[in-house]
């Protein structure tokens, strides 16, 4: 007959549990958030006509106006760009 030591079982369990908790704590220190990929299926629009109209207005504004893209680039109206291009030829 085998005698089971409850004290030994408790100490062994505490060591295992301590190791698991320490591993989780260390993993949490080094873990970085994971970016979630976009869905594989298309997301349906709630108002496609309004979205398209807004898209067209934005693009038309870009074609007809001056604006800064970044520190070293800007956009000019398409008519002005074509005039400058024709003048250089």
N, C-alpha and C. Protein backbone atom coordinates (compact mmCIF):
# COMPACT_ATOMS: atom_id res chain seq x y z
N UNK A 1 0.82 -1.16 0.00
CA UNK A 1 0.00 0.00 0.00
C UNK A 1 0.88 1.24 0.00
N UNK A 2 0.49 2.24 -0.86
CA UNK A 2 1.27 3.48 -0.98
C UNK A 2 0.64 4.57 -0.15
N UNK A 3 1.50 5.25 0.55
CA UNK A 3 1.03 6.40 1.33
C UNK A 3 1.18 7.65 0.48
N UNK A 4 0.17 8.43 0.42
CA UNK A 4 0.18 9.67 -0.34
C UNK A 4 0.34 10.82 0.63
N UNK A 5 1.38 11.63 0.43
CA UNK A 5 1.64 12.76 1.33
C UNK A 5 0.86 13.97 0.83
N UNK A 6 -0.09 14.39 1.62
CA UNK A 6 -0.87 15.57 1.23
C UNK A 6 0.00 16.82 1.23
N UNK A 7 0.96 16.86 2.13
CA UNK A 7 1.86 17.99 2.18
C UNK A 7 2.70 18.05 0.91
N UNK A 8 3.23 16.96 0.46
CA UNK A 8 4.02 16.89 -0.76
C UNK A 8 3.18 17.23 -1.99
N UNK A 9 1.93 16.74 -2.00
CA UNK A 9 1.02 17.04 -3.10
C UNK A 9 0.72 18.54 -3.14
N UNK A 10 0.51 19.15 -2.00
CA UNK A 10 0.22 20.57 -1.94
C UNK A 10 1.42 21.39 -2.40
N UNK A 11 2.61 21.00 -1.98
CA UNK A 11 3.83 21.72 -2.38
C UNK A 11 4.05 21.59 -3.89
N UNK A 12 3.88 20.39 -4.42
CA UNK A 12 4.03 20.17 -5.87
C UNK A 12 3.02 20.97 -6.68
N UNK A 13 1.78 20.98 -6.20
CA UNK A 13 0.73 21.75 -6.89
C UNK A 13 1.05 23.24 -6.85
N UNK A 14 1.53 23.73 -5.72
CA UNK A 14 1.86 25.14 -5.59
C UNK A 14 3.01 25.52 -6.52
N UNK A 15 3.99 24.63 -6.67
CA UNK A 15 5.12 24.90 -7.58
C UNK A 15 4.63 24.97 -9.02
N UNK A 16 3.79 24.01 -9.41
CA UNK A 16 3.26 24.01 -10.79
C UNK A 16 2.42 25.26 -11.03
N UNK A 17 1.52 25.58 -10.11
CA UNK A 17 0.67 26.76 -10.26
C UNK A 17 1.52 28.03 -10.30
N UNK A 18 2.54 28.12 -9.44
CA UNK A 18 3.43 29.28 -9.46
C UNK A 18 4.16 29.41 -10.79
N UNK A 19 4.60 28.29 -11.34
CA UNK A 19 5.28 28.32 -12.64
C UNK A 19 4.36 28.80 -13.76
N UNK A 20 3.11 28.31 -13.75
CA UNK A 20 2.13 28.73 -14.77
C UNK A 20 1.86 30.22 -14.64
N UNK A 21 1.63 30.70 -13.42
CA UNK A 21 1.35 32.12 -13.22
C UNK A 21 2.55 33.00 -13.60
N UNK A 22 3.76 32.55 -13.26
CA UNK A 22 4.96 33.30 -13.64
C UNK A 22 5.11 33.35 -15.16
N UNK A 23 4.83 32.24 -15.84
CA UNK A 23 4.92 32.21 -17.31
C UNK A 23 3.92 33.17 -17.94
N UNK A 24 2.70 33.18 -17.41
CA UNK A 24 1.69 34.10 -17.94
C UNK A 24 2.08 35.56 -17.70
N UNK A 25 2.63 35.85 -16.54
CA UNK A 25 3.05 37.22 -16.23
C UNK A 25 4.18 37.66 -17.15
N UNK A 26 5.14 36.81 -17.39
CA UNK A 26 6.26 37.15 -18.28
C UNK A 26 5.77 37.31 -19.72
N UNK A 27 4.87 36.43 -20.16
CA UNK A 27 4.32 36.53 -21.52
C UNK A 27 3.57 37.84 -21.69
N UNK A 28 2.86 38.26 -20.65
CA UNK A 28 2.10 39.52 -20.74
C UNK A 28 3.03 40.72 -20.88
N UNK A 29 4.21 40.65 -20.27
CA UNK A 29 5.17 41.75 -20.38
C UNK A 29 5.68 41.91 -21.81
N UNK A 30 5.85 40.82 -22.51
CA UNK A 30 6.45 40.86 -23.85
C UNK A 30 5.43 40.80 -24.98
N UNK A 31 4.20 40.55 -24.68
CA UNK A 31 3.18 40.42 -25.72
C UNK A 31 2.81 41.79 -26.28
N UNK A 32 2.62 41.84 -27.59
CA UNK A 32 2.17 43.05 -28.25
C UNK A 32 0.77 42.81 -28.81
N UNK A 33 -0.03 43.85 -28.90
CA UNK A 33 -1.37 43.66 -29.47
C UNK A 33 -1.27 43.20 -30.92
N UNK A 34 -2.16 42.36 -31.31
CA UNK A 34 -2.20 41.84 -32.67
C UNK A 34 -3.24 42.63 -33.45
N UNK A 35 -2.83 43.11 -34.63
CA UNK A 35 -3.79 43.83 -35.47
C UNK A 35 -4.71 42.82 -36.14
N UNK A 36 -5.97 43.13 -36.12
CA UNK A 36 -6.95 42.23 -36.71
C UNK A 36 -7.04 42.53 -38.20
N UNK A 37 -6.96 41.49 -39.00
CA UNK A 37 -7.03 41.64 -40.45
C UNK A 37 -8.44 42.07 -40.86
N UNK A 38 -8.55 42.78 -41.97
CA UNK A 38 -9.88 43.16 -42.44
C UNK A 38 -10.69 41.91 -42.80
N UNK A 39 -11.98 42.03 -42.79
CA UNK A 39 -12.81 40.85 -43.10
C UNK A 39 -12.55 40.36 -44.52
N UNK A 40 -12.69 39.06 -44.72
CA UNK A 40 -12.45 38.47 -46.03
C UNK A 40 -13.62 38.71 -46.99
N UNK A 41 -14.75 39.06 -46.46
CA UNK A 41 -15.91 39.33 -47.29
C UNK A 41 -16.15 40.83 -47.33
N UNK A 42 -16.76 41.33 -48.39
CA UNK A 42 -17.00 42.77 -48.47
C UNK A 42 -18.00 43.22 -47.41
N UNK A 43 -17.76 44.40 -46.88
CA UNK A 43 -18.68 44.98 -45.91
C UNK A 43 -19.72 45.76 -46.69
N UNK A 44 -20.96 45.46 -46.45
CA UNK A 44 -22.03 46.12 -47.19
C UNK A 44 -22.21 47.55 -46.72
N UNK A 45 -22.46 48.42 -47.68
CA UNK A 45 -22.69 49.82 -47.36
C UNK A 45 -24.15 50.02 -46.97
N UNK A 46 -24.37 50.93 -46.05
CA UNK A 46 -25.75 51.20 -45.64
C UNK A 46 -26.42 52.20 -46.58
N UNK A 47 -25.61 53.08 -47.21
CA UNK A 47 -26.17 54.07 -48.12
C UNK A 47 -25.23 54.23 -49.31
N UNK A 48 -25.20 53.25 -50.24
CA UNK A 48 -24.22 53.30 -51.33
C UNK A 48 -24.34 54.53 -52.22
N UNK A 49 -25.54 55.00 -52.49
CA UNK A 49 -25.69 56.20 -53.34
C UNK A 49 -25.08 57.43 -52.68
N UNK A 50 -25.34 57.59 -51.39
CA UNK A 50 -24.76 58.73 -50.67
C UNK A 50 -23.25 58.60 -50.58
N UNK A 51 -22.75 57.38 -50.35
CA UNK A 51 -21.30 57.17 -50.28
C UNK A 51 -20.64 57.50 -51.61
N UNK A 52 -21.25 57.08 -52.71
CA UNK A 52 -20.68 57.35 -54.03
C UNK A 52 -20.72 58.84 -54.34
N UNK A 53 -21.82 59.49 -53.98
CA UNK A 53 -21.94 60.94 -54.22
C UNK A 53 -20.87 61.69 -53.42
N UNK A 54 -20.66 61.29 -52.20
CA UNK A 54 -19.62 61.92 -51.37
C UNK A 54 -18.23 61.68 -51.97
N UNK A 55 -17.98 60.47 -52.43
CA UNK A 55 -16.70 60.13 -53.06
C UNK A 55 -16.48 61.01 -54.29
N UNK A 56 -17.51 61.15 -55.13
CA UNK A 56 -17.40 61.96 -56.35
C UNK A 56 -17.14 63.43 -56.01
N UNK A 57 -17.83 63.96 -54.99
CA UNK A 57 -17.61 65.36 -54.58
C UNK A 57 -16.17 65.57 -54.13
N UNK A 58 -15.65 64.64 -53.35
CA UNK A 58 -14.27 64.76 -52.87
C UNK A 58 -13.28 64.74 -54.03
N UNK A 59 -13.46 63.81 -54.97
CA UNK A 59 -12.55 63.72 -56.11
C UNK A 59 -12.67 64.94 -57.00
N UNK A 60 -13.88 65.45 -57.20
CA UNK A 60 -14.07 66.64 -58.03
C UNK A 60 -13.40 67.84 -57.37
N UNK A 61 -13.52 67.95 -56.05
CA UNK A 61 -12.86 69.03 -55.31
C UNK A 61 -11.34 68.95 -55.51
N UNK A 62 -10.78 67.73 -55.44
CA UNK A 62 -9.34 67.58 -55.64
C UNK A 62 -8.92 67.99 -57.05
N UNK A 63 -9.76 67.71 -58.05
CA UNK A 63 -9.44 68.06 -59.43
C UNK A 63 -9.51 69.56 -59.68
N UNK A 64 -10.29 70.27 -58.88
CA UNK A 64 -10.54 71.69 -59.16
C UNK A 64 -9.91 72.65 -58.15
N UNK A 65 -9.09 72.14 -57.22
CA UNK A 65 -8.59 73.04 -56.18
C UNK A 65 -7.10 72.85 -55.94
N UNK A 66 -6.55 73.82 -55.20
CA UNK A 66 -5.17 73.73 -54.75
C UNK A 66 -5.18 73.11 -53.36
N UNK A 67 -4.13 72.37 -53.03
CA UNK A 67 -4.06 71.82 -51.68
C UNK A 67 -2.71 71.16 -51.43
N UNK A 68 -2.39 71.02 -50.17
CA UNK A 68 -1.12 70.41 -49.77
C UNK A 68 -1.34 68.92 -49.51
N UNK A 69 -0.43 68.10 -50.06
CA UNK A 69 -0.47 66.66 -49.82
C UNK A 69 0.42 66.33 -48.62
N UNK A 70 1.66 66.83 -48.65
CA UNK A 70 2.59 66.72 -47.52
C UNK A 70 3.53 67.91 -47.58
N UNK A 71 4.63 67.89 -46.83
CA UNK A 71 5.52 69.05 -46.75
C UNK A 71 6.11 69.46 -48.10
N UNK A 72 6.34 68.50 -48.98
CA UNK A 72 7.01 68.84 -50.24
C UNK A 72 6.13 68.64 -51.47
N UNK A 73 4.87 68.30 -51.30
CA UNK A 73 3.98 68.08 -52.45
C UNK A 73 2.64 68.77 -52.24
N UNK A 74 2.12 69.27 -53.35
CA UNK A 74 0.78 69.85 -53.31
C UNK A 74 0.07 69.51 -54.61
N UNK A 75 -1.25 69.63 -54.60
CA UNK A 75 -1.98 69.38 -55.84
C UNK A 75 -2.53 70.71 -56.36
N UNK A 76 -2.66 70.75 -57.68
CA UNK A 76 -3.19 71.95 -58.33
C UNK A 76 -4.38 71.52 -59.17
N UNK A 77 -5.24 72.46 -59.56
CA UNK A 77 -6.39 72.11 -60.40
C UNK A 77 -5.93 71.46 -61.71
N UNK A 78 -6.69 70.53 -62.20
CA UNK A 78 -6.34 69.78 -63.41
C UNK A 78 -6.19 70.71 -64.61
N UNK A 79 -7.04 71.73 -64.69
CA UNK A 79 -6.95 72.69 -65.81
C UNK A 79 -5.61 73.42 -65.78
N UNK A 80 -5.17 73.83 -64.60
CA UNK A 80 -3.89 74.51 -64.46
C UNK A 80 -2.74 73.57 -64.81
N UNK A 81 -2.83 72.34 -64.38
CA UNK A 81 -1.78 71.36 -64.68
C UNK A 81 -1.67 71.13 -66.18
N UNK A 82 -2.81 70.99 -66.85
CA UNK A 82 -2.79 70.78 -68.31
C UNK A 82 -2.24 72.02 -69.02
N UNK A 83 -2.59 73.21 -68.56
CA UNK A 83 -2.09 74.45 -69.16
C UNK A 83 -0.57 74.53 -69.04
N UNK A 84 -0.04 74.21 -67.85
CA UNK A 84 1.40 74.25 -67.63
C UNK A 84 2.11 73.19 -68.48
N UNK A 85 1.52 72.03 -68.58
CA UNK A 85 2.11 70.95 -69.37
C UNK A 85 2.15 71.35 -70.85
N UNK A 86 1.07 71.93 -71.35
CA UNK A 86 1.02 72.35 -72.75
C UNK A 86 2.01 73.48 -73.03
N UNK A 87 2.18 74.36 -72.07
CA UNK A 87 3.09 75.49 -72.23
C UNK A 87 4.54 75.03 -72.31
N UNK A 88 4.90 73.96 -71.60
CA UNK A 88 6.27 73.44 -71.61
C UNK A 88 6.63 72.73 -72.91
N UNK A 89 5.67 72.37 -73.69
CA UNK A 89 5.98 71.61 -74.93
C UNK A 89 6.25 72.50 -76.07
